[in-house]
Amino acid sequence: MNEFPKKTCSIERLVTIPEDIQKVSNGIKSATRRNGVYAYPGEIMVLDGKEFVIDALYRQTLGELTDEHAQQEGYSDLEAYKQSMTSMHAHAKMPWLPEMKVWVHEYSPVDK
């Protein structure tokens, strides 16, 4: 098993925006990128009473992102994802830096 750093936040905080919760529940969103680690592979996230398992956790730079990655996040393409992220973090004046590293949390529904 890979060694991951200590969590910077809890799994309950991984997906919190109501629109994103709906995207995950509807199978439109299957990944969340964060500055820190919120969950480890094998952990279960519960959204609207549905369970989702963390399948993978890995590092990626913003410059490596493609349209396919943006679609994992529930957006039509990379530009739409970029616009959403920079406007969401406008208060912090967070620029989109291609060299910035993020943690990718990939997840899927738990079959019952």
Protein backbone atom coordinates (compact mmCIF):
# COMPACT_ATOMS: atom_id res chain seq x y z
CA MET A 1 0.00 0.00 0.00
CA ASN A 2 1.21 3.49 -0.79
CA GLU A 3 2.22 5.71 2.07
CA PHE A 4 0.15 8.85 2.18
CA PRO A 5 0.65 11.93 4.33
CA LYS A 6 -1.55 12.65 7.31
CA LYS A 7 -5.01 13.95 6.43
CA THR A 8 -5.44 17.72 6.36
CA CYS A 9 -9.23 17.46 6.64
CA SER A 10 -11.91 14.80 7.18
CA ILE A 11 -13.69 12.76 4.52
CA GLU A 12 -16.96 14.54 5.44
CA ARG A 13 -15.49 17.76 4.01
CA LEU A 14 -14.41 16.24 0.67
CA VAL A 15 -17.68 17.01 -1.16
CA THR A 16 -19.81 19.69 0.52
CA ILE A 17 -21.31 21.92 -2.19
CA PRO A 18 -24.94 20.84 -2.76
CA GLU A 19 -24.56 20.94 -6.55
CA ASP A 20 -21.47 18.69 -6.31
CA ILE A 21 -23.24 16.26 -3.96
CA GLN A 22 -25.99 15.95 -6.56
CA LYS A 23 -23.40 15.40 -9.34
CA VAL A 24 -21.80 12.59 -7.33
CA SER A 25 -25.18 11.01 -6.53
CA ASN A 26 -26.15 11.14 -10.23
CA GLY A 27 -22.87 9.61 -11.38
CA ILE A 28 -21.67 12.79 -13.11
CA LYS A 29 -18.79 13.51 -10.70
CA SER A 30 -16.29 10.80 -9.73
CA ALA A 31 -13.28 12.79 -8.47
CA THR A 32 -12.43 15.74 -6.26
CA ARG A 33 -9.15 17.64 -6.29
CA ARG A 34 -8.01 19.30 -3.08
CA ASN A 35 -4.86 20.96 -1.75
CA GLY A 36 -4.69 18.35 1.00
CA VAL A 37 -5.61 14.77 1.77
CA TYR A 38 -9.23 14.31 2.88
CA ALA A 39 -9.61 10.53 2.50
CA TYR A 40 -7.59 7.39 1.91
CA PRO A 41 -8.35 4.58 -0.56
CA GLY A 42 -10.89 2.16 0.88
CA GLU A 43 -12.62 4.76 3.04
CA ILE A 44 -16.35 5.27 2.65
CA MET A 45 -17.91 8.69 2.01
CA VAL A 46 -21.65 9.08 2.64
CA LEU A 47 -23.60 11.66 0.60
CA ASP A 48 -27.38 11.92 0.81
CA GLY A 49 -27.51 8.48 2.41
CA LYS A 50 -25.53 6.86 -0.44
CA GLU A 51 -22.10 5.32 0.08
CA PHE A 52 -19.08 5.95 -2.14
CA VAL A 53 -15.70 4.27 -1.75
CA ILE A 54 -12.43 6.12 -2.28
CA ASP A 55 -10.79 4.17 -5.13
CA ALA A 56 -7.58 6.16 -5.59
CA LEU A 57 -5.54 9.00 -4.14
CA TYR A 58 -2.66 10.57 -6.05
CA ARG A 59 -0.88 13.86 -6.78
CA GLN A 60 -1.31 15.84 -9.95
CA THR A 61 -0.37 19.34 -11.11
CA LEU A 62 -3.02 21.67 -12.46
CA GLY A 63 -0.99 21.81 -15.67
CA GLU A 64 -1.54 18.05 -16.18
CA LEU A 65 -5.33 18.40 -16.17
CA THR A 66 -7.22 17.52 -19.34
CA ASP A 67 -10.85 17.79 -20.45
CA GLU A 68 -11.26 14.19 -19.27
CA HIS A 69 -10.11 15.13 -15.75
CA ALA A 70 -12.54 18.08 -15.74
CA GLN A 71 -15.34 15.69 -16.73
CA GLN A 72 -14.45 13.50 -13.72
CA GLU A 73 -15.10 16.64 -11.68
CA GLY A 74 -18.51 17.06 -13.32
CA TYR A 75 -17.64 19.81 -15.82
CA SER A 76 -17.98 19.81 -19.61
CA ASP A 77 -14.33 20.68 -20.22
CA LEU A 78 -11.15 22.00 -18.63
CA GLU A 79 -12.01 25.65 -19.25
CA ALA A 80 -15.35 25.31 -17.41
CA TYR A 81 -13.60 23.61 -14.47
CA LYS A 82 -10.87 26.27 -14.41
CA GLN A 83 -13.46 29.09 -14.41
CA SER A 84 -15.40 27.44 -11.58
CA MET A 85 -12.30 26.91 -9.43
CA THR A 86 -10.90 30.42 -9.86
CA SER A 87 -14.28 32.06 -9.19
CA MET A 88 -14.90 29.80 -6.16
CA HIS A 89 -11.54 30.82 -4.70
CA ALA A 90 -11.70 34.47 -5.82
CA HIS A 91 -11.86 35.67 -2.20
CA ALA A 92 -8.43 34.11 -1.66
CA LYS A 93 -7.25 35.45 -5.03
CA MET A 94 -6.13 31.92 -5.90
CA PRO A 95 -4.62 31.93 -9.39
CA TRP A 96 -4.59 28.89 -11.65
CA LEU A 97 -0.93 27.88 -11.50
CA PRO A 98 0.02 25.00 -13.82
CA GLU A 99 2.78 23.89 -11.42
CA MET A 100 0.47 23.79 -8.38
CA LYS A 101 0.09 20.25 -7.03
CA VAL A 102 -3.25 18.92 -5.82
CA TRP A 103 -4.43 15.62 -4.35
CA VAL A 104 -6.89 13.73 -6.54
CA HIS A 105 -9.51 11.67 -4.71
CA GLU A 106 -11.32 9.27 -7.07
CA TYR A 107 -14.45 7.48 -5.87
CA SER A 108 -17.31 5.26 -7.01
CA PRO A 109 -20.65 4.09 -5.62
CA VAL A 110 -20.62 1.19 -3.19
CA ASP A 111 -22.72 -1.61 -4.65
CA LYS A 112 -25.08 -3.09 -2.12
